[in-house]
Amino acid sequence: MKHNTIEQSSFVHLFTASTASAPFWFLVRLYVGYEWLMAGWDKVMNPVWFGSGAGAAIKGFVAGALSKTTGAHPDVQMWYASFLNTAVLPYPVVWSNAIAVGEVLVGLGLIVGLFTGIAAFFGFFMNLNFLLAGTVSINPILMVLALSLMLSRRVAGHWGLDRYARPFLKQIIRSYWHPLKT
């Protein structure tokens, strides 16, 4: 079998693979996780997002996004407006509950450092969708930080539950993909 080696700069190695940067990523994880947890918790406790009146807030959010599709340089592209019209507006309760619970789960995953790369991916994906819907606020910052957490996932969860879960999951995956030969 032929083996190839790809060299990595020491700077990139420090931030993506060395446990020396674990304290830095721990702080980034806590910040991003806190932002997601608080945003999700506010939605879960708000009846127009989650509960008896679920769906009302998402209808207003989508209506605001759809109003940004006009002009020479629209904030919301027509292909995304079409997605909002056909996939989100018919099912506001489902999307409202999914967003509220998803934000809480992303926040918890990042705070405790469990499945850090996956949690960061879903945070990145939600930020992308919020940006595509024409809302800016803190979304670009959280999106860049989530991307950074995804790229450094090997070390970002070192000061968290990933440190203990990853070896266990590797063992399960190895036994599944390479079962013992009898």
N, C-alpha and C. Protein backbone atom coordinates (compact mmCIF):
# COMPACT_ATOMS: atom_id res chain seq x y z
N MET A 1 0.84 -1.17 0.00
CA MET A 1 0.00 0.00 0.00
C MET A 1 0.90 1.24 0.00
N LYS A 2 0.54 2.21 -0.80
CA LYS A 2 1.33 3.44 -0.91
C LYS A 2 0.80 4.47 0.09
N HIS A 3 1.70 5.12 0.81
CA HIS A 3 1.32 6.14 1.78
C HIS A 3 1.84 7.49 1.32
N ASN A 4 0.99 8.49 1.38
CA ASN A 4 1.37 9.86 1.05
C ASN A 4 1.30 10.69 2.31
N THR A 5 2.22 11.62 2.44
CA THR A 5 2.23 12.52 3.58
C THR A 5 1.98 13.94 3.10
N ILE A 6 1.03 14.58 3.72
CA ILE A 6 0.74 15.98 3.41
C ILE A 6 1.22 16.81 4.59
N GLU A 7 2.10 17.74 4.31
CA GLU A 7 2.63 18.57 5.38
C GLU A 7 1.64 19.68 5.74
N GLN A 8 1.66 20.04 7.00
CA GLN A 8 0.76 21.06 7.52
C GLN A 8 1.61 22.10 8.24
N SER A 9 1.28 23.36 8.06
CA SER A 9 2.05 24.39 8.75
C SER A 9 1.86 24.27 10.26
N SER A 10 2.83 24.74 11.00
CA SER A 10 2.74 24.64 12.45
C SER A 10 1.60 25.49 13.00
N PHE A 11 1.30 26.61 12.34
CA PHE A 11 0.20 27.46 12.78
C PHE A 11 -1.14 26.73 12.63
N VAL A 12 -1.35 26.14 11.47
CA VAL A 12 -2.60 25.39 11.22
C VAL A 12 -2.68 24.20 12.16
N HIS A 13 -1.56 23.50 12.34
CA HIS A 13 -1.54 22.35 13.24
C HIS A 13 -1.91 22.76 14.67
N LEU A 14 -1.39 23.89 15.12
CA LEU A 14 -1.69 24.36 16.47
C LEU A 14 -3.19 24.54 16.66
N PHE A 15 -3.86 25.14 15.69
CA PHE A 15 -5.27 25.46 15.88
C PHE A 15 -6.23 24.35 15.47
N THR A 16 -5.77 23.36 14.72
CA THR A 16 -6.70 22.32 14.29
C THR A 16 -6.39 20.94 14.85
N ALA A 17 -5.19 20.72 15.36
CA ALA A 17 -4.85 19.37 15.81
C ALA A 17 -4.13 19.30 17.15
N SER A 18 -3.56 20.38 17.62
CA SER A 18 -2.79 20.35 18.86
C SER A 18 -3.68 20.66 20.06
N THR A 19 -3.56 19.84 21.09
CA THR A 19 -4.36 20.09 22.29
C THR A 19 -3.89 21.33 23.05
N ALA A 20 -2.79 21.93 22.64
CA ALA A 20 -2.34 23.18 23.25
C ALA A 20 -3.34 24.30 23.00
N SER A 21 -4.12 24.20 21.92
CA SER A 21 -5.12 25.24 21.63
C SER A 21 -6.49 24.91 22.23
N ALA A 22 -6.58 23.81 22.98
CA ALA A 22 -7.86 23.42 23.58
C ALA A 22 -8.48 24.51 24.46
N PRO A 23 -7.70 25.25 25.26
CA PRO A 23 -8.33 26.32 26.06
C PRO A 23 -8.97 27.40 25.20
N PHE A 24 -8.32 27.75 24.09
CA PHE A 24 -8.89 28.75 23.17
C PHE A 24 -10.21 28.26 22.60
N TRP A 25 -10.22 27.01 22.09
CA TRP A 25 -11.45 26.48 21.50
C TRP A 25 -12.53 26.27 22.55
N PHE A 26 -12.13 25.99 23.78
CA PHE A 26 -13.11 25.87 24.87
C PHE A 26 -13.86 27.19 25.05
N LEU A 27 -13.13 28.30 25.04
CA LEU A 27 -13.77 29.61 25.19
C LEU A 27 -14.67 29.93 23.99
N VAL A 28 -14.19 29.62 22.78
CA VAL A 28 -15.01 29.85 21.59
C VAL A 28 -16.28 29.00 21.65
N ARG A 29 -16.11 27.73 22.03
CA ARG A 29 -17.26 26.81 22.15
C ARG A 29 -18.27 27.32 23.16
N LEU A 30 -17.79 27.79 24.31
CA LEU A 30 -18.70 28.30 25.34
C LEU A 30 -19.46 29.52 24.84
N TYR A 31 -18.77 30.43 24.17
CA TYR A 31 -19.43 31.63 23.66
C TYR A 31 -20.50 31.29 22.63
N VAL A 32 -20.12 30.52 21.62
CA VAL A 32 -21.08 30.17 20.57
C VAL A 32 -22.22 29.33 21.15
N GLY A 33 -21.88 28.38 22.01
CA GLY A 33 -22.90 27.55 22.63
C GLY A 33 -23.87 28.36 23.48
N TYR A 34 -23.35 29.32 24.23
CA TYR A 34 -24.21 30.17 25.05
C TYR A 34 -25.17 30.98 24.17
N GLU A 35 -24.65 31.55 23.10
CA GLU A 35 -25.50 32.32 22.18
C GLU A 35 -26.63 31.46 21.62
N TRP A 36 -26.30 30.24 21.19
CA TRP A 36 -27.33 29.35 20.64
C TRP A 36 -28.31 28.90 21.73
N LEU A 37 -27.81 28.56 22.89
CA LEU A 37 -28.68 28.09 23.96
C LEU A 37 -29.66 29.18 24.38
N MET A 38 -29.18 30.40 24.54
CA MET A 38 -30.07 31.49 24.96
C MET A 38 -31.10 31.82 23.87
N ALA A 39 -30.67 31.82 22.60
CA ALA A 39 -31.61 32.09 21.51
C ALA A 39 -32.67 31.00 21.46
N GLY A 40 -32.24 29.75 21.60
CA GLY A 40 -33.20 28.64 21.57
C GLY A 40 -34.11 28.62 22.78
N TRP A 41 -33.53 28.91 23.96
CA TRP A 41 -34.33 28.91 25.18
C TRP A 41 -35.42 29.98 25.11
N ASP A 42 -35.06 31.15 24.59
CA ASP A 42 -36.07 32.21 24.43
C ASP A 42 -37.21 31.74 23.52
N LYS A 43 -36.87 31.01 22.47
CA LYS A 43 -37.89 30.52 21.55
C LYS A 43 -38.73 29.41 22.19
N VAL A 44 -38.08 28.50 22.91
CA VAL A 44 -38.82 27.40 23.55
C VAL A 44 -39.80 27.95 24.59
N MET A 45 -39.43 29.01 25.28
CA MET A 45 -40.31 29.59 26.30
C MET A 45 -41.35 30.54 25.72
N ASN A 46 -41.25 30.86 24.45
CA ASN A 46 -42.18 31.79 23.80
C ASN A 46 -43.26 30.99 23.07
N PRO A 47 -44.54 31.15 23.44
CA PRO A 47 -45.60 30.33 22.83
C PRO A 47 -45.80 30.55 21.33
N VAL A 48 -45.33 31.65 20.76
CA VAL A 48 -45.47 31.83 19.32
C VAL A 48 -44.39 31.07 18.54
N TRP A 49 -43.38 30.57 19.25
CA TRP A 49 -42.36 29.73 18.62
C TRP A 49 -42.54 28.26 18.96
N PHE A 50 -42.89 27.99 20.21
CA PHE A 50 -42.96 26.61 20.69
C PHE A 50 -44.09 26.51 21.69
N GLY A 51 -45.11 25.78 21.35
CA GLY A 51 -46.23 25.65 22.27
C GLY A 51 -47.56 25.88 21.59
N SER A 52 -48.45 26.53 22.32
CA SER A 52 -49.84 26.67 21.85
C SER A 52 -49.97 27.48 20.58
N GLY A 53 -49.21 28.53 20.43
CA GLY A 53 -49.32 29.36 19.23
C GLY A 53 -48.16 29.19 18.28
N ALA A 54 -47.49 28.03 18.35
CA ALA A 54 -46.29 27.79 17.54
C ALA A 54 -46.58 28.01 16.06
N GLY A 55 -45.67 28.66 15.40
CA GLY A 55 -45.80 28.93 13.98
C GLY A 55 -46.08 30.38 13.67
N ALA A 56 -46.62 31.11 14.62
CA ALA A 56 -46.96 32.51 14.36
C ALA A 56 -45.71 33.34 14.09
N ALA A 57 -44.67 33.12 14.87
CA ALA A 57 -43.44 33.90 14.71
C ALA A 57 -42.74 33.56 13.39
N ILE A 58 -42.74 32.30 13.02
CA ILE A 58 -42.06 31.93 11.78
C ILE A 58 -42.80 32.47 10.56
N LYS A 59 -44.11 32.58 10.66
CA LYS A 59 -44.87 33.19 9.55
C LYS A 59 -44.47 34.64 9.37
N GLY A 60 -44.31 35.36 10.47
CA GLY A 60 -43.86 36.75 10.39
C GLY A 60 -42.44 36.86 9.89
N PHE A 61 -41.58 35.96 10.32
CA PHE A 61 -40.19 35.94 9.87
C PHE A 61 -40.13 35.70 8.36
N VAL A 62 -40.89 34.73 7.88
CA VAL A 62 -40.90 34.41 6.44
C VAL A 62 -41.51 35.55 5.64
N ALA A 63 -42.57 36.17 6.17
CA ALA A 63 -43.17 37.31 5.47
C ALA A 63 -42.17 38.45 5.34
N GLY A 64 -41.39 38.69 6.39
CA GLY A 64 -40.36 39.72 6.33
C GLY A 64 -39.28 39.37 5.31
N ALA A 65 -38.91 38.10 5.25
CA ALA A 65 -37.91 37.67 4.28
C ALA A 65 -38.44 37.81 2.86
N LEU A 66 -39.69 37.46 2.65
CA LEU A 66 -40.26 37.54 1.31
C LEU A 66 -40.41 38.99 0.85
N SER A 67 -40.54 39.91 1.79
CA SER A 67 -40.63 41.33 1.42
C SER A 67 -39.28 41.89 0.96
N LYS A 68 -38.22 41.15 1.19
CA LYS A 68 -36.88 41.60 0.81
C LYS A 68 -36.42 41.02 -0.53
N THR A 69 -37.37 40.57 -1.34
CA THR A 69 -37.00 39.96 -2.63
C THR A 69 -37.12 40.92 -3.80
N THR A 70 -37.43 42.17 -3.55
CA THR A 70 -37.62 43.13 -4.64
C THR A 70 -36.43 44.07 -4.75
N GLY A 71 -36.38 44.79 -5.83
CA GLY A 71 -35.33 45.78 -6.05
C GLY A 71 -34.21 45.24 -6.92
N ALA A 72 -33.28 46.12 -7.24
CA ALA A 72 -32.16 45.74 -8.10
C ALA A 72 -31.22 44.76 -7.41
N HIS A 73 -31.05 44.90 -6.10
CA HIS A 73 -30.17 44.02 -5.33
C HIS A 73 -30.94 43.50 -4.11
N PRO A 74 -31.77 42.48 -4.31
CA PRO A 74 -32.60 41.99 -3.19
C PRO A 74 -31.76 41.31 -2.11
N ASP A 75 -32.22 41.45 -0.87
CA ASP A 75 -31.56 40.80 0.26
C ASP A 75 -31.80 39.29 0.25
N VAL A 76 -32.93 38.88 -0.31
CA VAL A 76 -33.29 37.46 -0.37
C VAL A 76 -33.44 37.07 -1.84
N GLN A 77 -32.70 36.05 -2.24
CA GLN A 77 -32.74 35.60 -3.62
C GLN A 77 -34.06 34.86 -3.90
N MET A 78 -34.45 34.86 -5.15
CA MET A 78 -35.73 34.26 -5.52
C MET A 78 -35.76 32.76 -5.28
N TRP A 79 -34.66 32.07 -5.48
CA TRP A 79 -34.64 30.63 -5.25
C TRP A 79 -34.88 30.31 -3.77
N TYR A 80 -34.35 31.16 -2.87
CA TYR A 80 -34.58 30.93 -1.45
C TYR A 80 -35.99 31.34 -1.06
N ALA A 81 -36.51 32.39 -1.69
CA ALA A 81 -37.90 32.79 -1.45
C ALA A 81 -38.84 31.68 -1.88
N SER A 82 -38.52 31.02 -2.97
CA SER A 82 -39.33 29.89 -3.43
C SER A 82 -39.32 28.76 -2.40
N PHE A 83 -38.14 28.48 -1.84
CA PHE A 83 -38.04 27.47 -0.79
C PHE A 83 -38.90 27.86 0.42
N LEU A 84 -38.83 29.12 0.82
CA LEU A 84 -39.63 29.58 1.95
C LEU A 84 -41.13 29.43 1.67
N ASN A 85 -41.53 29.76 0.45
CA ASN A 85 -42.95 29.67 0.07
C ASN A 85 -43.44 28.23 0.01
N THR A 86 -42.63 27.34 -0.52
CA THR A 86 -43.11 25.98 -0.76
C THR A 86 -42.82 25.01 0.37
N ALA A 87 -41.75 25.22 1.12
CA ALA A 87 -41.39 24.25 2.16
C ALA A 87 -41.62 24.74 3.58
N VAL A 88 -41.51 26.05 3.81
CA VAL A 88 -41.61 26.55 5.19
C VAL A 88 -43.02 27.04 5.50
N LEU A 89 -43.57 27.90 4.65
CA LEU A 89 -44.90 28.47 4.93
C LEU A 89 -46.01 27.43 5.10
N PRO A 90 -46.04 26.33 4.36
CA PRO A 90 -47.11 25.35 4.57
C PRO A 90 -47.00 24.60 5.91
N TYR A 91 -45.83 24.58 6.54
CA TYR A 91 -45.61 23.82 7.77
C TYR A 91 -44.97 24.69 8.85
N PRO A 92 -45.62 25.76 9.26
CA PRO A 92 -44.97 26.68 10.20
C PRO A 92 -44.72 26.09 11.58
N VAL A 93 -45.60 25.23 12.06
CA VAL A 93 -45.44 24.65 13.40
C VAL A 93 -44.22 23.73 13.42
N VAL A 94 -44.07 22.91 12.39
CA VAL A 94 -42.94 21.99 12.32
C VAL A 94 -41.62 22.76 12.29
N TRP A 95 -41.53 23.76 11.43
CA TRP A 95 -40.29 24.53 11.32
C TRP A 95 -40.03 25.34 12.59
N SER A 96 -41.06 25.89 13.17
CA SER A 96 -40.90 26.68 14.39
C SER A 96 -40.34 25.82 15.53
N ASN A 97 -40.94 24.64 15.71
CA ASN A 97 -40.47 23.73 16.75
C ASN A 97 -39.05 23.23 16.45
N ALA A 98 -38.78 22.91 15.18
CA ALA A 98 -37.44 22.42 14.80
C ALA A 98 -36.37 23.48 15.06
N ILE A 99 -36.66 24.72 14.74
CA ILE A 99 -35.68 25.79 14.97
C ILE A 99 -35.44 25.98 16.46
N ALA A 100 -36.52 26.04 17.25
CA ALA A 100 -36.37 26.26 18.69
C ALA A 100 -35.59 25.13 19.35
N VAL A 101 -35.97 23.90 19.09
CA VAL A 101 -35.29 22.76 19.70
C VAL A 101 -33.88 22.62 19.14
N GLY A 102 -33.70 22.86 17.85
CA GLY A 102 -32.39 22.78 17.22
C GLY A 102 -31.41 23.76 17.82
N GLU A 103 -31.85 24.98 18.07
CA GLU A 103 -30.96 25.97 18.68
C GLU A 103 -30.54 25.55 20.08
N VAL A 104 -31.47 24.99 20.85
CA VAL A 104 -31.12 24.53 22.20
C VAL A 104 -30.12 23.37 22.12
N LEU A 105 -30.36 22.42 21.21
CA LEU A 105 -29.47 21.27 21.10
C LEU A 105 -28.07 21.67 20.62
N VAL A 106 -27.99 22.59 19.67
CA VAL A 106 -26.69 23.08 19.23
C VAL A 106 -25.97 23.74 20.40
N GLY A 107 -26.67 24.57 21.15
CA GLY A 107 -26.07 25.23 22.30
C GLY A 107 -25.57 24.25 23.34
N LEU A 108 -26.38 23.27 23.68
CA LEU A 108 -25.97 22.28 24.68
C LEU A 108 -24.79 21.45 24.18
N GLY A 109 -24.84 21.03 22.92
CA GLY A 109 -23.74 20.24 22.35
C GLY A 109 -22.43 20.99 22.39
N LEU A 110 -22.46 22.27 22.09
CA LEU A 110 -21.23 23.06 22.11
C LEU A 110 -20.76 23.34 23.53
N ILE A 111 -21.67 23.61 24.43
CA ILE A 111 -21.27 23.93 25.81
C ILE A 111 -20.62 22.72 26.48
N VAL A 112 -21.22 21.55 26.34
CA VAL A 112 -20.65 20.37 27.00
C VAL A 112 -19.56 19.72 26.15
N GLY A 113 -19.42 20.13 24.90
CA GLY A 113 -18.37 19.60 24.04
C GLY A 113 -18.62 18.19 23.58
N LEU A 114 -19.88 17.84 23.34
CA LEU A 114 -20.24 16.51 22.84
C LEU A 114 -20.68 16.63 21.39
N PHE A 115 -20.05 15.85 20.52
CA PHE A 115 -20.29 15.92 19.08
C PHE A 115 -20.11 17.37 18.60
N THR A 116 -19.00 17.94 18.97
CA THR A 116 -18.72 19.35 18.70
C THR A 116 -18.79 19.68 17.22
N GLY A 117 -18.20 18.86 16.38
CA GLY A 117 -18.22 19.12 14.94
C GLY A 117 -19.63 19.08 14.37
N ILE A 118 -20.43 18.14 14.83
CA ILE A 118 -21.81 18.02 14.35
C ILE A 118 -22.64 19.20 14.84
N ALA A 119 -22.51 19.55 16.11
CA ALA A 119 -23.25 20.69 16.65
C ALA A 119 -22.86 21.97 15.92
N ALA A 120 -21.57 22.15 15.68
CA ALA A 120 -21.11 23.34 14.96
C ALA A 120 -21.64 23.35 13.54
N PHE A 121 -21.71 22.19 12.89
CA PHE A 121 -22.26 22.11 11.53
C PHE A 121 -23.71 22.58 11.51
N PHE A 122 -24.52 22.08 12.43
CA PHE A 122 -25.93 22.48 12.43
C PHE A 122 -26.09 23.96 12.81
N GLY A 123 -25.23 24.47 13.68
CA GLY A 123 -25.24 25.91 13.96
C GLY A 123 -24.88 26.70 12.71
N PHE A 124 -23.84 26.26 12.00
CA PHE A 124 -23.43 26.89 10.75
C PHE A 124 -24.59 26.87 9.75
N PHE A 125 -25.25 25.73 9.63
CA PHE A 125 -26.35 25.59 8.67
C PHE A 125 -27.53 26.51 9.02
N MET A 126 -27.85 26.62 10.30
CA MET A 126 -28.94 27.53 10.69
C MET A 126 -28.53 28.98 10.43
N ASN A 127 -27.29 29.35 10.76
CA ASN A 127 -26.81 30.71 10.46
C ASN A 127 -26.88 31.01 8.98
N LEU A 128 -26.50 30.05 8.16
CA LEU A 128 -26.57 30.22 6.71
C LEU A 128 -28.00 30.49 6.27
N ASN A 129 -28.94 29.74 6.80
CA ASN A 129 -30.34 29.94 6.43
C ASN A 129 -30.87 31.28 6.91
N PHE A 130 -30.47 31.70 8.10
CA PHE A 130 -30.90 33.02 8.58
C PHE A 130 -30.33 34.12 7.70
N LEU A 131 -29.08 33.97 7.27
CA LEU A 131 -28.48 34.96 6.37
C LEU A 131 -29.18 34.95 5.01
N LEU A 132 -29.49 33.77 4.50
CA LEU A 132 -30.19 33.70 3.22
C LEU A 132 -31.58 34.31 3.30
N ALA A 133 -32.16 34.31 4.49
CA ALA A 133 -33.48 34.92 4.70
C ALA A 133 -33.38 36.42 4.93
N GLY A 134 -32.18 36.98 4.87
CA GLY A 134 -32.03 38.42 4.94
C GLY A 134 -31.79 39.00 6.31
N THR A 135 -31.53 38.17 7.32
CA THR A 135 -31.25 38.69 8.65
C THR A 135 -29.75 38.62 8.90
N VAL A 136 -29.18 39.72 9.36
CA VAL A 136 -27.73 39.75 9.55
C VAL A 136 -27.42 39.61 11.04
N SER A 137 -27.64 40.61 11.84
CA SER A 137 -27.33 40.68 13.27
C SER A 137 -26.00 39.97 13.59
N ILE A 138 -26.02 38.97 14.47
CA ILE A 138 -24.80 38.28 14.90
C ILE A 138 -24.51 37.05 14.05
N ASN A 139 -25.37 36.76 13.08
CA ASN A 139 -25.25 35.54 12.28
C ASN A 139 -23.91 35.39 11.55
N PRO A 140 -23.34 36.42 10.93
CA PRO A 140 -22.05 36.20 10.27
C PRO A 140 -20.93 35.83 11.24
N ILE A 141 -20.94 36.42 12.42
CA ILE A 141 -19.91 36.12 13.42
C ILE A 141 -20.05 34.68 13.90
N LEU A 142 -21.28 34.28 14.23
CA LEU A 142 -21.49 32.90 14.68
C LEU A 142 -21.20 31.90 13.58
N MET A 143 -21.46 32.28 12.34
CA MET A 143 -21.21 31.39 11.21
C MET A 143 -19.71 31.15 11.04
N VAL A 144 -18.91 32.20 11.13
CA VAL A 144 -17.45 32.06 11.01
C VAL A 144 -16.90 31.25 12.18
N LEU A 145 -17.39 31.50 13.38
CA LEU A 145 -16.93 30.74 14.55
C LEU A 145 -17.34 29.28 14.45
N ALA A 146 -18.55 29.01 13.95
CA ALA A 146 -18.99 27.62 13.77
C ALA A 146 -18.14 26.92 12.73
N LEU A 147 -17.81 27.60 11.65
CA LEU A 147 -16.92 27.02 10.64
C LEU A 147 -15.55 26.72 11.24
N SER A 148 -15.05 27.62 12.05
CA SER A 148 -13.77 27.40 12.72
C SER A 148 -13.84 26.20 13.66
N LEU A 149 -14.94 26.05 14.38
CA LEU A 149 -15.12 24.90 15.26
C LEU A 149 -15.20 23.60 14.47
N MET A 150 -15.84 23.64 13.30
CA MET A 150 -15.90 22.44 12.46
C MET A 150 -14.51 22.05 11.98
N LEU A 151 -13.72 23.02 11.56
CA LEU A 151 -12.38 22.73 11.06
C LEU A 151 -11.44 22.24 12.16
N SER A 152 -11.70 22.65 13.38
CA SER A 152 -10.85 22.25 14.50
C SER A 152 -11.53 21.23 15.40
N ARG A 153 -12.47 20.50 14.87
CA ARG A 153 -13.28 19.59 15.68
C ARG A 153 -12.45 18.58 16.46
N ARG A 154 -11.28 18.20 15.94
CA ARG A 154 -10.45 17.21 16.63
C ARG A 154 -9.97 17.71 17.98
N VAL A 155 -9.76 19.01 18.10
CA VAL A 155 -9.24 19.56 19.34
C VAL A 155 -10.28 20.43 20.06
N ALA A 156 -11.30 20.90 19.35
CA ALA A 156 -12.29 21.81 19.95
C ALA A 156 -13.08 21.14 21.07
N GLY A 157 -13.27 19.85 21.00
CA GLY A 157 -14.00 19.15 22.05
C GLY A 157 -13.10 18.48 23.07
N HIS A 158 -11.80 18.76 23.02
CA HIS A 158 -10.85 18.12 23.94
C HIS A 158 -11.16 18.47 25.39
N TRP A 159 -11.53 19.70 25.64
CA TRP A 159 -11.96 20.10 26.98
C TRP A 159 -13.48 19.96 27.05
N GLY A 160 -13.96 18.78 26.83
CA GLY A 160 -15.38 18.50 26.85
C GLY A 160 -15.61 17.01 26.80
N LEU A 161 -16.86 16.62 26.56
CA LEU A 161 -17.21 15.20 26.55
C LEU A 161 -16.68 14.47 25.32
N ASP A 162 -16.33 15.19 24.27
CA ASP A 162 -15.75 14.53 23.09
C ASP A 162 -14.46 13.79 23.44
N ARG A 163 -13.75 14.29 24.40
CA ARG A 163 -12.49 13.66 24.81
C ARG A 163 -12.72 12.22 25.24
N TYR A 164 -13.88 11.94 25.83
CA TYR A 164 -14.20 10.60 26.31
C TYR A 164 -15.07 9.84 25.31
N ALA A 165 -15.89 10.54 24.57
CA ALA A 165 -16.80 9.88 23.63
C ALA A 165 -16.12 9.44 22.36
N ARG A 166 -15.15 10.20 21.86
CA ARG A 166 -14.51 9.86 20.59
C ARG A 166 -13.82 8.50 20.59
N PRO A 167 -13.03 8.14 21.61
CA PRO A 167 -12.42 6.80 21.59
C PRO A 167 -13.47 5.69 21.62
N PHE A 168 -14.53 5.90 22.39
CA PHE A 168 -15.60 4.92 22.47
C PHE A 168 -16.30 4.76 21.11
N LEU A 169 -16.59 5.88 20.46
CA LEU A 169 -17.23 5.83 19.14
C LEU A 169 -16.31 5.22 18.09
N LYS A 170 -15.02 5.51 18.15
CA LYS A 170 -14.07 4.91 17.21
C LYS A 170 -14.06 3.39 17.35
N GLN A 171 -14.13 2.92 18.60
CA GLN A 171 -14.14 1.49 18.84
C GLN A 171 -15.39 0.85 18.26
N ILE A 172 -16.52 1.50 18.43
CA ILE A 172 -17.78 0.97 17.88
C ILE A 172 -17.74 0.96 16.35
N ILE A 173 -17.24 2.04 15.77
CA ILE A 173 -17.17 2.12 14.31
C ILE A 173 -16.22 1.08 13.75
N ARG A 174 -15.08 0.90 14.39
CA ARG A 174 -14.13 -0.12 13.92
C ARG A 174 -14.73 -1.51 13.99
N SER A 175 -15.45 -1.80 15.06
CA SER A 175 -16.05 -3.14 15.18
C SER A 175 -17.17 -3.33 14.16
N TYR A 176 -17.82 -2.26 13.78
CA TYR A 176 -18.89 -2.36 12.79
C TYR A 176 -18.31 -2.53 11.39
N TRP A 177 -17.29 -1.75 11.05
CA TRP A 177 -16.73 -1.79 9.70
C TRP A 177 -15.73 -2.93 9.51
N HIS A 178 -15.10 -3.37 10.59
CA HIS A 178 -14.12 -4.44 10.50
C HIS A 178 -14.46 -5.52 11.54
N PRO A 179 -15.54 -6.25 11.32
CA PRO A 179 -15.91 -7.27 12.31
C PRO A 179 -14.86 -8.37 12.39
N LEU A 180 -14.81 -9.00 13.54
CA LEU A 180 -13.85 -10.07 13.72
C LEU A 180 -14.16 -11.20 12.74
N LYS A 181 -13.12 -11.76 12.16
CA LYS A 181 -13.29 -12.85 11.22
C LYS A 181 -13.31 -14.15 12.02
N THR A 182 -14.27 -14.98 11.69
CA THR A 182 -14.35 -16.27 12.41
C THR A 182 -13.88 -17.40 11.54
